[in-house]
Amino acid sequence: MQSYKTLKVWQKAHELVLWIYEMTNSFPKQEIFGLTPQIRRSSVSIAANLAEGCGKSTSKDIANFFQVSLGSLHETEYYILLAKDLAYISIQDFQKSDDKTREVKAMLVSLIKTVRNS
């Protein structure tokens, strides 16, 4: 497997993490032990599991880590929706986040299919 840093999906996932960190800086202080660390952790897990998968030797192991990454992406999507519904983020930030997660998801699903078929 190639270096995770060269994967376009990892690069996009990393951009999403940076966006999430920036966005959550404005969350209310009462969320310091609630939603803020949860959404940050799940978004970091997307990129981290892609990186870890690249260190595995079998296609099955690689695909499993990429699948975990996809699960973390779904979790992150929910937290973004929750943040919008709690009025912690604007509709514009929600839409921007949604665009970013959809892009990563499409790339990740495609990558998982490719790895599983190899």
PDB file of N, CA and C in Angstrom:
ATOM      1  N   MET A   1       0.844  -1.182   0.000  1.00  0.00           N
ATOM      2  CA  MET A   1       0.000   0.000   0.000  1.00  0.00           C
ATOM      3  C   MET A   1       0.888   1.244   0.000  1.00  0.00           C
ATOM      4  N   GLN A   2       0.398   2.299  -0.591  1.00  0.00           N
ATOM      5  CA  GLN A   2       1.138   3.548  -0.663  1.00  0.00           C
ATOM      6  C   GLN A   2       1.061   4.324   0.650  1.00  0.00           C
ATOM      7  N   SER A   3       1.825   5.383   0.741  1.00  0.00           N
ATOM      8  CA  SER A   3       1.775   6.251   1.910  1.00  0.00           C
ATOM      9  C   SER A   3       0.399   6.905   1.995  1.00  0.00           C
ATOM     10  N   TYR A   4      -0.157   6.931   3.189  1.00  0.00           N
ATOM     11  CA  TYR A   4      -1.478   7.524   3.371  1.00  0.00           C
ATOM     12  C   TYR A   4      -1.509   8.990   2.951  1.00  0.00           C
ATOM     13  N   LYS A   5      -0.386   9.690   3.074  1.00  0.00           N
ATOM     14  CA  LYS A   5      -0.355  11.113   2.741  1.00  0.00           C
ATOM     15  C   LYS A   5      -0.585  11.379   1.260  1.00  0.00           C
ATOM     16  N   THR A   6      -0.355  10.366   0.424  1.00  0.00           N
ATOM     17  CA  THR A   6      -0.561  10.546  -1.017  1.00  0.00           C
ATOM     18  C   THR A   6      -1.995  10.228  -1.441  1.00  0.00           C
ATOM     19  N   LEU A   7      -2.784   9.641  -0.539  1.00  0.00           N
ATOM     20  CA  LEU A   7      -4.182   9.331  -0.864  1.00  0.00           C
ATOM     21  C   LEU A   7      -5.020  10.606  -0.867  1.00  0.00           C
ATOM     22  N   LYS A   8      -5.695  10.864  -1.963  1.00  0.00           N
ATOM     23  CA  LYS A   8      -6.555  12.057  -2.050  1.00  0.00           C
ATOM     24  C   LYS A   8      -7.634  12.025  -0.973  1.00  0.00           C
ATOM     25  N   VAL A   9      -8.173  10.835  -0.692  1.00  0.00           N
ATOM     26  CA  VAL A   9      -9.226  10.732   0.316  1.00  0.00           C
ATOM     27  C   VAL A   9      -8.675  11.078   1.703  1.00  0.00           C
ATOM     28  N   TRP A  10      -7.434  10.691   1.998  1.00  0.00           N
ATOM     29  CA  TRP A  10      -6.851  11.061   3.282  1.00  0.00           C
ATOM     30  C   TRP A  10      -6.654  12.577   3.345  1.00  0.00           C
ATOM     31  N   GLN A  11      -6.184  13.173   2.264  1.00  0.00           N
ATOM     32  CA  GLN A  11      -5.987  14.623   2.224  1.00  0.00           C
ATOM     33  C   GLN A  11      -7.301  15.362   2.480  1.00  0.00           C
ATOM     34  N   LYS A  12      -8.378  14.889   1.860  1.00  0.00           N
ATOM     35  CA  LYS A  12      -9.701  15.497   2.061  1.00  0.00           C
ATOM     36  C   LYS A  12     -10.202  15.256   3.481  1.00  0.00           C
ATOM     37  N   ALA A  13      -9.943  14.059   4.014  1.00  0.00           N
ATOM     38  CA  ALA A  13     -10.341  13.753   5.390  1.00  0.00           C
ATOM     39  C   ALA A  13      -9.581  14.649   6.369  1.00  0.00           C
ATOM     40  N   HIS A  14      -8.303  14.874   6.110  1.00  0.00           N
ATOM     41  CA  HIS A  14      -7.500  15.748   6.964  1.00  0.00           C
ATOM     42  C   HIS A  14      -8.036  17.187   6.904  1.00  0.00           C
ATOM     43  N   GLU A  15      -8.396  17.639   5.719  1.00  0.00           N
ATOM     44  CA  GLU A  15      -9.009  18.969   5.578  1.00  0.00           C
ATOM     45  C   GLU A  15     -10.305  19.055   6.385  1.00  0.00           C
ATOM     46  N   LEU A  16     -11.080  17.969   6.374  1.00  0.00           N
ATOM     47  CA  LEU A  16     -12.319  17.931   7.152  1.00  0.00           C
ATOM     48  C   LEU A  16     -12.016  18.062   8.642  1.00  0.00           C
ATOM     49  N   VAL A  17     -10.994  17.368   9.123  1.00  0.00           N
ATOM     50  CA  VAL A  17     -10.609  17.459  10.532  1.00  0.00           C
ATOM     51  C   VAL A  17     -10.260  18.904  10.889  1.00  0.00           C
ATOM     52  N   LEU A  18      -9.463  19.532  10.059  1.00  0.00           N
ATOM     53  CA  LEU A  18      -9.086  20.927  10.326  1.00  0.00           C
ATOM     54  C   LEU A  18     -10.309  21.838  10.354  1.00  0.00           C
ATOM     55  N   TRP A  19     -11.245  21.599   9.432  1.00  0.00           N
ATOM     56  CA  TRP A  19     -12.498  22.366   9.376  1.00  0.00           C
ATOM     57  C   TRP A  19     -13.313  22.143  10.652  1.00  0.00           C
ATOM     58  N   ILE A  20     -13.413  20.899  11.098  1.00  0.00           N
ATOM     59  CA  ILE A  20     -14.174  20.570  12.308  1.00  0.00           C
ATOM     60  C   ILE A  20     -13.557  21.276  13.523  1.00  0.00           C
ATOM     61  N   TYR A  21     -12.240  21.236  13.638  1.00  0.00           N
ATOM     62  CA  TYR A  21     -11.582  21.917  14.755  1.00  0.00           C
ATOM     63  C   TYR A  21     -11.876  23.415  14.733  1.00  0.00           C
ATOM     64  N   GLU A  22     -11.794  24.002  13.557  1.00  0.00           N
ATOM     65  CA  GLU A  22     -12.083  25.438  13.435  1.00  0.00           C
ATOM     66  C   GLU A  22     -13.533  25.732  13.809  1.00  0.00           C
ATOM     67  N   MET A  23     -14.437  24.924  13.284  1.00  0.00           N
ATOM     68  CA  MET A  23     -15.865  25.136  13.509  1.00  0.00           C
ATOM     69  C   MET A  23     -16.229  24.968  14.984  1.00  0.00           C
ATOM     70  N   THR A  24     -15.625  23.990  15.654  1.00  0.00           N
ATOM     71  CA  THR A  24     -15.993  23.709  17.042  1.00  0.00           C
ATOM     72  C   THR A  24     -15.371  24.689  18.039  1.00  0.00           C
ATOM     73  N   ASN A  25     -14.441  25.508  17.583  1.00  0.00           N
ATOM     74  CA  ASN A  25     -13.874  26.532  18.467  1.00  0.00           C
ATOM     75  C   ASN A  25     -14.940  27.481  18.990  1.00  0.00           C
ATOM     76  N   SER A  26     -16.029  27.638  18.255  1.00  0.00           N
ATOM     77  CA  SER A  26     -17.086  28.563  18.667  1.00  0.00           C
ATOM     78  C   SER A  26     -18.239  27.868  19.398  1.00  0.00           C
ATOM     79  N   PHE A  27     -18.125  26.569  19.670  1.00  0.00           N
ATOM     80  CA  PHE A  27     -19.173  25.870  20.409  1.00  0.00           C
ATOM     81  C   PHE A  27     -19.254  26.442  21.822  1.00  0.00           C
ATOM     82  N   PRO A  28     -20.424  26.373  22.427  1.00  0.00           N
ATOM     83  CA  PRO A  28     -20.575  26.876  23.801  1.00  0.00           C
ATOM     84  C   PRO A  28     -19.638  26.160  24.776  1.00  0.00           C
ATOM     85  N   LYS A  29     -19.250  26.866  25.814  1.00  0.00           N
ATOM     86  CA  LYS A  29     -18.320  26.315  26.807  1.00  0.00           C
ATOM     87  C   LYS A  29     -18.894  25.074  27.494  1.00  0.00           C
ATOM     88  N   GLN A  30     -20.215  24.981  27.610  1.00  0.00           N
ATOM     89  CA  GLN A  30     -20.792  23.810  28.273  1.00  0.00           C
ATOM     90  C   GLN A  30     -20.591  22.531  27.458  1.00  0.00           C
ATOM     91  N   GLU A  31     -20.149  22.659  26.235  1.00  0.00           N
ATOM     92  CA  GLU A  31     -19.891  21.489  25.394  1.00  0.00           C
ATOM     93  C   GLU A  31     -18.436  21.031  25.448  1.00  0.00           C
ATOM     94  N   ILE A  32     -17.636  21.619  26.323  1.00  0.00           N
ATOM     95  CA  ILE A  32     -16.213  21.272  26.388  1.00  0.00           C
ATOM     96  C   ILE A  32     -15.988  19.793  26.714  1.00  0.00           C
ATOM     97  N   PHE A  33     -16.928  19.169  27.422  1.00  0.00           N
ATOM     98  CA  PHE A  33     -16.823  17.740  27.718  1.00  0.00           C
ATOM     99  C   PHE A  33     -17.926  16.949  27.027  1.00  0.00           C
ATOM    100  N   GLY A  34     -18.676  17.595  26.147  1.00  0.00           N
ATOM    101  CA  GLY A  34     -19.791  16.947  25.464  1.00  0.00           C
ATOM    102  C   GLY A  34     -19.543  16.793  23.973  1.00  0.00           C
ATOM    103  N   LEU A  35     -20.232  17.604  23.208  1.00  0.00           N
ATOM    104  CA  LEU A  35     -20.192  17.472  21.756  1.00  0.00           C
ATOM    105  C   LEU A  35     -18.840  17.825  21.142  1.00  0.00           C
ATOM    106  N   THR A  36     -18.165  18.807  21.680  1.00  0.00           N
ATOM    107  CA  THR A  36     -16.890  19.236  21.082  1.00  0.00           C
ATOM    108  C   THR A  36     -15.876  18.101  20.976  1.00  0.00           C
ATOM    109  N   PRO A  37     -15.552  17.406  22.058  1.00  0.00           N
ATOM    110  CA  PRO A  37     -14.577  16.315  21.902  1.00  0.00           C
ATOM    111  C   PRO A  37     -15.116  15.139  21.088  1.00  0.00           C
ATOM    112  N   GLN A  38     -16.420  14.914  21.129  1.00  0.00           N
ATOM    113  CA  GLN A  38     -16.996  13.796  20.373  1.00  0.00           C
ATOM    114  C   GLN A  38     -16.840  14.009  18.866  1.00  0.00           C
ATOM    115  N   ILE A  39     -17.189  15.189  18.390  1.00  0.00           N
ATOM    116  CA  ILE A  39     -17.111  15.458  16.952  1.00  0.00           C
ATOM    117  C   ILE A  39     -15.655  15.529  16.497  1.00  0.00           C
ATOM    118  N   ARG A  40     -14.802  16.065  17.341  1.00  0.00           N
ATOM    119  CA  ARG A  40     -13.374  16.110  16.999  1.00  0.00           C
ATOM    120  C   ARG A  40     -12.793  14.698  16.925  1.00  0.00           C
ATOM    121  N   ARG A  41     -13.102  13.882  17.910  1.00  0.00           N
ATOM    122  CA  ARG A  41     -12.588  12.511  17.953  1.00  0.00           C
ATOM    123  C   ARG A  41     -13.057  11.708  16.745  1.00  0.00           C
ATOM    124  N   SER A  42     -14.345  11.821  16.411  1.00  0.00           N
ATOM    125  CA  SER A  42     -14.852  11.036  15.282  1.00  0.00           C
ATOM    126  C   SER A  42     -14.252  11.500  13.960  1.00  0.00           C
ATOM    127  N   SER A  43     -14.037  12.798  13.809  1.00  0.00           N
ATOM    128  CA  SER A  43     -13.451  13.284  12.554  1.00  0.00           C
ATOM    129  C   SER A  43     -11.980  12.879  12.442  1.00  0.00           C
ATOM    130  N   VAL A  44     -11.252  12.937  13.552  1.00  0.00           N
ATOM    131  CA  VAL A  44      -9.855  12.500  13.544  1.00  0.00           C
ATOM    132  C   VAL A  44      -9.775  11.014  13.198  1.00  0.00           C
ATOM    133  N   SER A  45     -10.729  10.248  13.682  1.00  0.00           N
ATOM    134  CA  SER A  45     -10.754   8.805  13.436  1.00  0.00           C
ATOM    135  C   SER A  45     -10.874   8.470  11.948  1.00  0.00           C
ATOM    136  N   ILE A  46     -11.526   9.334  11.189  1.00  0.00           N
ATOM    137  CA  ILE A  46     -11.653   9.105   9.740  1.00  0.00           C
ATOM    138  C   ILE A  46     -10.257   9.040   9.123  1.00  0.00           C
ATOM    139  N   ALA A  47      -9.486  10.103   9.327  1.00  0.00           N
ATOM    140  CA  ALA A  47      -8.146  10.181   8.743  1.00  0.00           C
ATOM    141  C   ALA A  47      -7.194   9.181   9.386  1.00  0.00           C
ATOM    142  N   ALA A  48      -7.313   8.986  10.701  1.00  0.00           N
ATOM    143  CA  ALA A  48      -6.396   8.088  11.407  1.00  0.00           C
ATOM    144  C   ALA A  48      -6.567   6.642  10.948  1.00  0.00           C
ATOM    145  N   ASN A  49      -7.785   6.204  10.737  1.00  0.00           N
ATOM    146  CA  ASN A  49      -7.998   4.827  10.281  1.00  0.00           C
ATOM    147  C   ASN A  49      -7.567   4.634   8.836  1.00  0.00           C
ATOM    148  N   LEU A  50      -7.660   5.667   8.029  1.00  0.00           N
ATOM    149  CA  LEU A  50      -7.096   5.585   6.685  1.00  0.00           C
ATOM    150  C   LEU A  50      -5.583   5.397   6.777  1.00  0.00           C
ATOM    151  N   ALA A  51      -4.950   6.185   7.628  1.00  0.00           N
ATOM    152  CA  ALA A  51      -3.495   6.071   7.800  1.00  0.00           C
ATOM    153  C   ALA A  51      -3.111   4.694   8.327  1.00  0.00           C
ATOM    154  N   GLU A  52      -3.835   4.215   9.325  1.00  0.00           N
ATOM    155  CA  GLU A  52      -3.510   2.908   9.894  1.00  0.00           C
ATOM    156  C   GLU A  52      -3.729   1.793   8.876  1.00  0.00           C
ATOM    157  N   GLY A  53      -4.786   1.894   8.095  1.00  0.00           N
ATOM    158  CA  GLY A  53      -5.050   0.888   7.068  1.00  0.00           C
ATOM    159  C   GLY A  53      -3.922   0.790   6.057  1.00  0.00           C
ATOM    160  N   CYS A  54      -3.313   1.911   5.740  1.00  0.00           N
ATOM    161  CA  CYS A  54      -2.205   1.911   4.782  1.00  0.00           C
ATOM    162  C   CYS A  54      -0.984   1.165   5.309  1.00  0.00           C
ATOM    163  N   GLY A  55      -0.933   0.947   6.607  1.00  0.00           N
ATOM    164  CA  GLY A  55       0.183   0.223   7.192  1.00  0.00           C
ATOM    165  C   GLY A  55      -0.041  -1.282   7.265  1.00  0.00           C
ATOM    166  N   LYS A  56      -1.204  -1.740   6.822  1.00  0.00           N
ATOM    167  CA  LYS A  56      -1.517  -3.166   6.869  1.00  0.00           C
ATOM    168  C   LYS A  56      -1.048  -3.860   5.604  1.00  0.00           C
ATOM    169  N   SER A  57      -0.887  -5.176   5.698  1.00  0.00           N
ATOM    170  CA  SER A  57      -0.297  -5.898   4.563  1.00  0.00           C
ATOM    171  C   SER A  57      -1.299  -6.629   3.684  1.00  0.00           C
ATOM    172  N   THR A  58      -2.468  -6.960   4.211  1.00  0.00           N
ATOM    173  CA  THR A  58      -3.432  -7.694   3.378  1.00  0.00           C
ATOM    174  C   THR A  58      -4.585  -6.784   2.967  1.00  0.00           C
ATOM    175  N   SER A  59      -5.144  -7.085   1.821  1.00  0.00           N
ATOM    176  CA  SER A  59      -6.288  -6.305   1.331  1.00  0.00           C
ATOM    177  C   SER A  59      -7.444  -6.336   2.316  1.00  0.00           C
ATOM    178  N   LYS A  60      -7.655  -7.495   2.951  1.00  0.00           N
ATOM    179  CA  LYS A  60      -8.744  -7.621   3.919  1.00  0.00           C
ATOM    180  C   LYS A  60      -8.536  -6.679   5.100  1.00  0.00           C
ATOM    181  N   ASP A  61      -7.316  -6.651   5.645  1.00  0.00           N
ATOM    182  CA  ASP A  61      -7.021  -5.760   6.772  1.00  0.00           C
ATOM    183  C   ASP A  61      -7.153  -4.290   6.367  1.00  0.00           C
ATOM    184  N   ILE A  62      -6.633  -3.977   5.201  1.00  0.00           N
ATOM    185  CA  ILE A  62      -6.723  -2.598   4.705  1.00  0.00           C
ATOM    186  C   ILE A  62      -8.179  -2.177   4.576  1.00  0.00           C
ATOM    187  N   ALA A  63      -8.983  -3.017   3.937  1.00  0.00           N
ATOM    188  CA  ALA A  63     -10.406  -2.711   3.736  1.00  0.00           C
ATOM    189  C   ALA A  63     -11.135  -2.563   5.068  1.00  0.00           C
ATOM    190  N   ASN A  64     -10.768  -3.371   6.056  1.00  0.00           N
ATOM    191  CA  ASN A  64     -11.422  -3.271   7.365  1.00  0.00           C
ATOM    192  C   ASN A  64     -11.162  -1.918   8.018  1.00  0.00           C
ATOM    193  N   PHE A  65      -9.930  -1.444   7.954  1.00  0.00           N
ATOM    194  CA  PHE A  65      -9.636  -0.133   8.528  1.00  0.00           C
ATOM    195  C   PHE A  65     -10.329   0.979   7.748  1.00  0.00           C
ATOM    196  N   PHE A  66     -10.398   0.843   6.440  1.00  0.00           N
ATOM    197  CA  PHE A  66     -11.098   1.838   5.642  1.00  0.00           C
ATOM    198  C   PHE A  66     -12.598   1.825   5.962  1.00  0.00           C
ATOM    199  N   GLN A  67     -13.139   0.648   6.262  1.00  0.00           N
ATOM    200  CA  GLN A  67     -14.543   0.542   6.637  1.00  0.00           C
ATOM    201  C   GLN A  67     -14.800   1.217   7.990  1.00  0.00           C
ATOM    202  N   VAL A  68     -13.868   1.061   8.920  1.00  0.00           N
ATOM    203  CA  VAL A  68     -13.973   1.751  10.214  1.00  0.00           C
ATOM    204  C   VAL A  68     -13.952   3.265   9.987  1.00  0.00           C
ATOM    205  N   SER A  69     -13.117   3.701   9.072  1.00  0.00           N
ATOM    206  CA  SER A  69     -13.052   5.115   8.716  1.00  0.00           C
ATOM    207  C   SER A  69     -14.418   5.609   8.227  1.00  0.00           C
ATOM    208  N   LEU A  70     -15.065   4.801   7.408  1.00  0.00           N
ATOM    209  CA  LEU A  70     -16.399   5.156   6.903  1.00  0.00           C
ATOM    210  C   LEU A  70     -17.402   5.244   8.050  1.00  0.00           C
ATOM    211  N   GLY A  71     -17.319   4.336   9.001  1.00  0.00           N
ATOM    212  CA  GLY A  71     -18.205   4.406  10.167  1.00  0.00           C
ATOM    213  C   GLY A  71     -17.997   5.694  10.947  1.00  0.00           C
ATOM    214  N   SER A  72     -16.753   6.091  11.114  1.00  0.00           N
ATOM    215  CA  SER A  72     -16.451   7.346  11.809  1.00  0.00           C
ATOM    216  C   SER A  72     -16.970   8.547  11.033  1.00  0.00           C
ATOM    217  N   LEU A  73     -16.951   8.456   9.721  1.00  0.00           N
ATOM    218  CA  LEU A  73     -17.503   9.531   8.896  1.00  0.00           C
ATOM    219  C   LEU A  73     -18.999   9.671   9.132  1.00  0.00           C
ATOM    220  N   HIS A  74     -19.710   8.555   9.197  1.00  0.00           N
ATOM    221  CA  HIS A  74     -21.148   8.605   9.479  1.00  0.00           C
ATOM    222  C   HIS A  74     -21.413   9.208  10.867  1.00  0.00           C
ATOM    223  N   GLU A  75     -20.598   8.833  11.828  1.00  0.00           N
ATOM    224  CA  GLU A  75     -20.726   9.396  13.170  1.00  0.00           C
ATOM    225  C   GLU A  75     -20.513  10.913  13.136  1.00  0.00           C
ATOM    226  N   THR A  76     -19.501  11.348  12.417  1.00  0.00           N
ATOM    227  CA  THR A  76     -19.219  12.776  12.295  1.00  0.00           C
ATOM    228  C   THR A  76     -20.382  13.509  11.639  1.00  0.00           C
ATOM    229  N   GLU A  77     -20.961  12.909  10.608  1.00  0.00           N
ATOM    230  CA  GLU A  77     -22.123  13.526   9.953  1.00  0.00           C
ATOM    231  C   GLU A  77     -23.258  13.756  10.945  1.00  0.00           C
ATOM    232  N   TYR A  78     -23.491  12.775  11.806  1.00  0.00           N
ATOM    233  CA  TYR A  78     -24.548  12.950  12.809  1.00  0.00           C
ATOM    234  C   TYR A  78     -24.231  14.099  13.752  1.00  0.00           C
ATOM    235  N   TYR A  79     -22.996  14.175  14.227  1.00  0.00           N
ATOM    236  CA  TYR A  79     -22.634  15.248  15.151  1.00  0.00           C
ATOM    237  C   TYR A  79     -22.772  16.619  14.496  1.00  0.00           C
ATOM    238  N   ILE A  80     -22.471  16.703  13.216  1.00  0.00           N
ATOM    239  CA  ILE A  80     -22.653  17.967  12.495  1.00  0.00           C
ATOM    240  C   ILE A  80     -24.133  18.334  12.440  1.00  0.00           C
ATOM    241  N   LEU A  81     -24.975  17.348  12.151  1.00  0.00           N
ATOM    242  CA  LEU A  81     -26.422  17.576  12.141  1.00  0.00           C
ATOM    243  C   LEU A  81     -26.900  18.033  13.519  1.00  0.00           C
ATOM    244  N   LEU A  82     -26.423  17.372  14.559  1.00  0.00           N
ATOM    245  CA  LEU A  82     -26.795  17.744  15.921  1.00  0.00           C
ATOM    246  C   LEU A  82     -26.362  19.177  16.233  1.00  0.00           C
ATOM    247  N   ALA A  83     -25.149  19.536  15.838  1.00  0.00           N
ATOM    248  CA  ALA A  83     -24.662  20.893  16.066  1.00  0.00           C
ATOM    249  C   ALA A  83     -25.549  21.924  15.366  1.00  0.00           C
ATOM    250  N   LYS A  84     -25.993  21.586  14.164  1.00  0.00           N
ATOM    251  CA  LYS A  84     -26.908  22.497  13.448  1.00  0.00           C
ATOM    252  C   LYS A  84     -28.228  22.606  14.190  1.00  0.00           C
ATOM    253  N   ASP A  85     -28.782  21.464  14.600  1.00  0.00           N
ATOM    254  CA  ASP A  85     -30.083  21.465  15.271  1.00  0.00           C
ATOM    255  C   ASP A  85     -30.039  22.153  16.633  1.00  0.00           C
ATOM    256  N   LEU A  86     -28.879  22.154  17.265  1.00  0.00           N
ATOM    257  CA  LEU A  86     -28.701  22.869  18.527  1.00  0.00           C
ATOM    258  C   LEU A  86     -28.335  24.339  18.310  1.00  0.00           C
ATOM    259  N   ALA A  87     -28.248  24.740  17.047  1.00  0.00           N
ATOM    260  CA  ALA A  87     -27.909  26.113  16.648  1.00  0.00           C
ATOM    261  C   ALA A  87     -26.492  26.502  17.073  1.00  0.00           C
ATOM    262  N   TYR A  88     -25.587  25.512  17.087  1.00  0.00           N
ATOM    263  CA  TYR A  88     -24.177  25.790  17.372  1.00  0.00           C
ATOM    264  C   TYR A  88     -23.432  26.197  16.108  1.00  0.00           C
ATOM    265  N   ILE A  89     -23.975  25.811  14.962  1.00  0.00           N
ATOM    266  CA  ILE A  89     -23.375  26.204  13.687  1.00  0.00           C
ATOM    267  C   ILE A  89     -24.468  26.778  12.787  1.00  0.00           C
ATOM    268  N   SER A  90     -24.055  27.592  11.860  1.00  0.00           N
ATOM    269  CA  SER A  90     -24.989  28.210  10.922  1.00  0.00           C
ATOM    270  C   SER A  90     -25.396  27.213   9.839  1.00  0.00           C
ATOM    271  N   ILE A  91     -26.433  27.557   9.138  1.00  0.00           N
ATOM    272  CA  ILE A  91     -26.869  26.740   7.995  1.00  0.00           C
ATOM    273  C   ILE A  91     -25.752  26.690   6.954  1.00  0.00           C
ATOM    274  N   GLN A  92     -25.039  27.797   6.772  1.00  0.00           N
ATOM    275  CA  GLN A  92     -23.940  27.846   5.814  1.00  0.00           C
ATOM    276  C   GLN A  92     -22.812  26.893   6.222  1.00  0.00           C
ATOM    277  N   ASP A  93     -22.465  26.893   7.507  1.00  0.00           N
ATOM    278  CA  ASP A  93     -21.433  25.967   7.971  1.00  0.00           C
ATOM    279  C   ASP A  93     -21.907  24.525   7.879  1.00  0.00           C
ATOM    280  N   PHE A  94     -23.182  24.304   8.157  1.00  0.00           N
ATOM    281  CA  PHE A  94     -23.731  22.954   8.016  1.00  0.00           C
ATOM    282  C   PHE A  94     -23.619  22.490   6.568  1.00  0.00           C
ATOM    283  N   GLN A  95     -23.991  23.347   5.633  1.00  0.00           N
ATOM    284  CA  GLN A  95     -23.928  22.977   4.219  1.00  0.00           C
ATOM    285  C   GLN A  95     -22.486  22.738   3.775  1.00  0.00           C
ATOM    286  N   LYS A  96     -21.585  23.581   4.221  1.00  0.00           N
ATOM    287  CA  LYS A  96     -20.174  23.400   3.864  1.00  0.00           C
ATOM    288  C   LYS A  96     -19.652  22.075   4.422  1.00  0.00           C
ATOM    289  N   SER A  97     -19.992  21.776   5.667  1.00  0.00           N
ATOM    290  CA  SER A  97     -19.590  20.515   6.286  1.00  0.00           C
ATOM    291  C   SER A  97     -20.205  19.332   5.544  1.00  0.00           C
ATOM    292  N   ASP A  98     -21.468  19.470   5.172  1.00  0.00           N
ATOM    293  CA  ASP A  98     -22.158  18.400   4.446  1.00  0.00           C
ATOM    294  C   ASP A  98     -21.489  18.144   3.097  1.00  0.00           C
ATOM    295  N   ASP A  99     -21.105  19.207   2.415  1.00  0.00           N
ATOM    296  CA  ASP A  99     -20.400  19.054   1.136  1.00  0.00           C
ATOM    297  C   ASP A  99     -19.074  18.318   1.331  1.00  0.00           C
ATOM    298  N   LYS A 100     -18.353  18.686   2.387  1.00  0.00           N
ATOM    299  CA  LYS A 100     -17.062  18.053   2.659  1.00  0.00           C
ATOM    300  C   LYS A 100     -17.235  16.574   3.002  1.00  0.00           C
ATOM    301  N   THR A 101     -18.218  16.249   3.844  1.00  0.00           N
ATOM    302  CA  THR A 101     -18.402  14.848   4.228  1.00  0.00           C
ATOM    303  C   THR A 101     -18.879  14.010   3.047  1.00  0.00           C
ATOM    304  N   ARG A 102     -19.735  14.562   2.207  1.00  0.00           N
ATOM    305  CA  ARG A 102     -20.193  13.806   1.024  1.00  0.00           C
ATOM    306  C   ARG A 102     -19.034  13.505   0.079  1.00  0.00           C
ATOM    307  N   GLU A 103     -18.137  14.465  -0.092  1.00  0.00           N
ATOM    308  CA  GLU A 103     -16.982  14.254  -0.966  1.00  0.00           C
ATOM    309  C   GLU A 103     -16.076  13.144  -0.417  1.00  0.00           C
ATOM    310  N   VAL A 104     -15.787  13.209   0.877  1.00  0.00           N
ATOM    311  CA  VAL A 104     -14.944  12.183   1.496  1.00  0.00           C
ATOM    312  C   VAL A 104     -15.639  10.828   1.412  1.00  0.00           C
ATOM    313  N   LYS A 105     -16.936  10.799   1.670  1.00  0.00           N
ATOM    314  CA  LYS A 105     -17.669   9.536   1.647  1.00  0.00           C
ATOM    315  C   LYS A 105     -17.616   8.889   0.264  1.00  0.00           C
ATOM    316  N   ALA A 106     -17.833   9.654  -0.779  1.00  0.00           N
ATOM    317  CA  ALA A 106     -17.796   9.101  -2.137  1.00  0.00           C
ATOM    318  C   ALA A 106     -16.419   8.522  -2.451  1.00  0.00           C
ATOM    319  N   MET A 107     -15.385   9.248  -2.077  1.00  0.00           N
ATOM    320  CA  MET A 107     -14.020   8.770  -2.326  1.00  0.00           C
ATOM    321  C   MET A 107     -13.717   7.522  -1.507  1.00  0.00           C
ATOM    322  N   LEU A 108     -14.161   7.509  -0.269  1.00  0.00           N
ATOM    323  CA  LEU A 108     -13.883   6.391   0.623  1.00  0.00           C
ATOM    324  C   LEU A 108     -14.614   5.123   0.184  1.00  0.00           C
ATOM    325  N   VAL A 109     -15.866   5.251  -0.193  1.00  0.00           N
ATOM    326  CA  VAL A 109     -16.634   4.101  -0.682  1.00  0.00           C
ATOM    327  C   VAL A 109     -15.966   3.515  -1.920  1.00  0.00           C
ATOM    328  N   SER A 110     -15.539   4.373  -2.817  1.00  0.00           N
ATOM    329  CA  SER A 110     -14.852   3.923  -4.024  1.00  0.00           C
ATOM    330  C   SER A 110     -13.549   3.206  -3.687  1.00  0.00           C
ATOM    331  N   LEU A 111     -12.796   3.750  -2.743  1.00  0.00           N
ATOM    332  CA  LEU A 111     -11.533   3.134  -2.337  1.00  0.00           C
ATOM    333  C   LEU A 111     -11.766   1.769  -1.693  1.00  0.00           C
ATOM    334  N   ILE A 112     -12.766   1.669  -0.848  1.00  0.00           N
ATOM    335  CA  ILE A 112     -13.079   0.392  -0.206  1.00  0.00           C
ATOM    336  C   ILE A 112     -13.418  -0.664  -1.261  1.00  0.00           C
ATOM    337  N   LYS A 113     -14.216  -0.295  -2.231  1.00  0.00           N
ATOM    338  CA  LYS A 113     -14.570  -1.230  -3.315  1.00  0.00           C
ATOM    339  C   LYS A 113     -13.318  -1.668  -4.081  1.00  0.00           C
ATOM    340  N   THR A 114     -12.444  -0.722  -4.362  1.00  0.00           N
ATOM    341  CA  THR A 114     -11.216  -1.036  -5.105  1.00  0.00           C
ATOM    342  C   THR A 114     -10.338  -2.012  -4.312  1.00  0.00           C
ATOM    343  N   VAL A 115     -10.158  -1.747  -3.042  1.00  0.00           N
ATOM    344  CA  VAL A 115      -9.312  -2.597  -2.199  1.00  0.00           C
ATOM    345  C   VAL A 115      -9.916  -3.993  -2.076  1.00  0.00           C
ATOM    346  N   ARG A 116     -11.221  -4.069  -1.885  1.00  0.00           N
ATOM    347  CA  ARG A 116     -11.873  -5.368  -1.741  1.00  0.00           C
ATOM    348  C   ARG A 116     -11.825  -6.200  -3.013  1.00  0.00           C
ATOM    349  N   ASN A 117     -11.765  -5.525  -4.162  1.00  0.00           N
ATOM    350  CA  ASN A 117     -11.729  -6.228  -5.445  1.00  0.00           C
ATOM    351  C   ASN A 117     -10.317  -6.554  -5.914  1.00  0.00           C
ATOM    352  N   SER A 118      -9.315  -6.173  -5.114  1.00  0.00           N
ATOM    353  CA  SER A 118      -7.935  -6.417  -5.558  1.00  0.00           C
ATOM    354  C   SER A 118      -7.419  -7.760  -5.089  1.00  0.00           C
TER     355      SER A 118
END
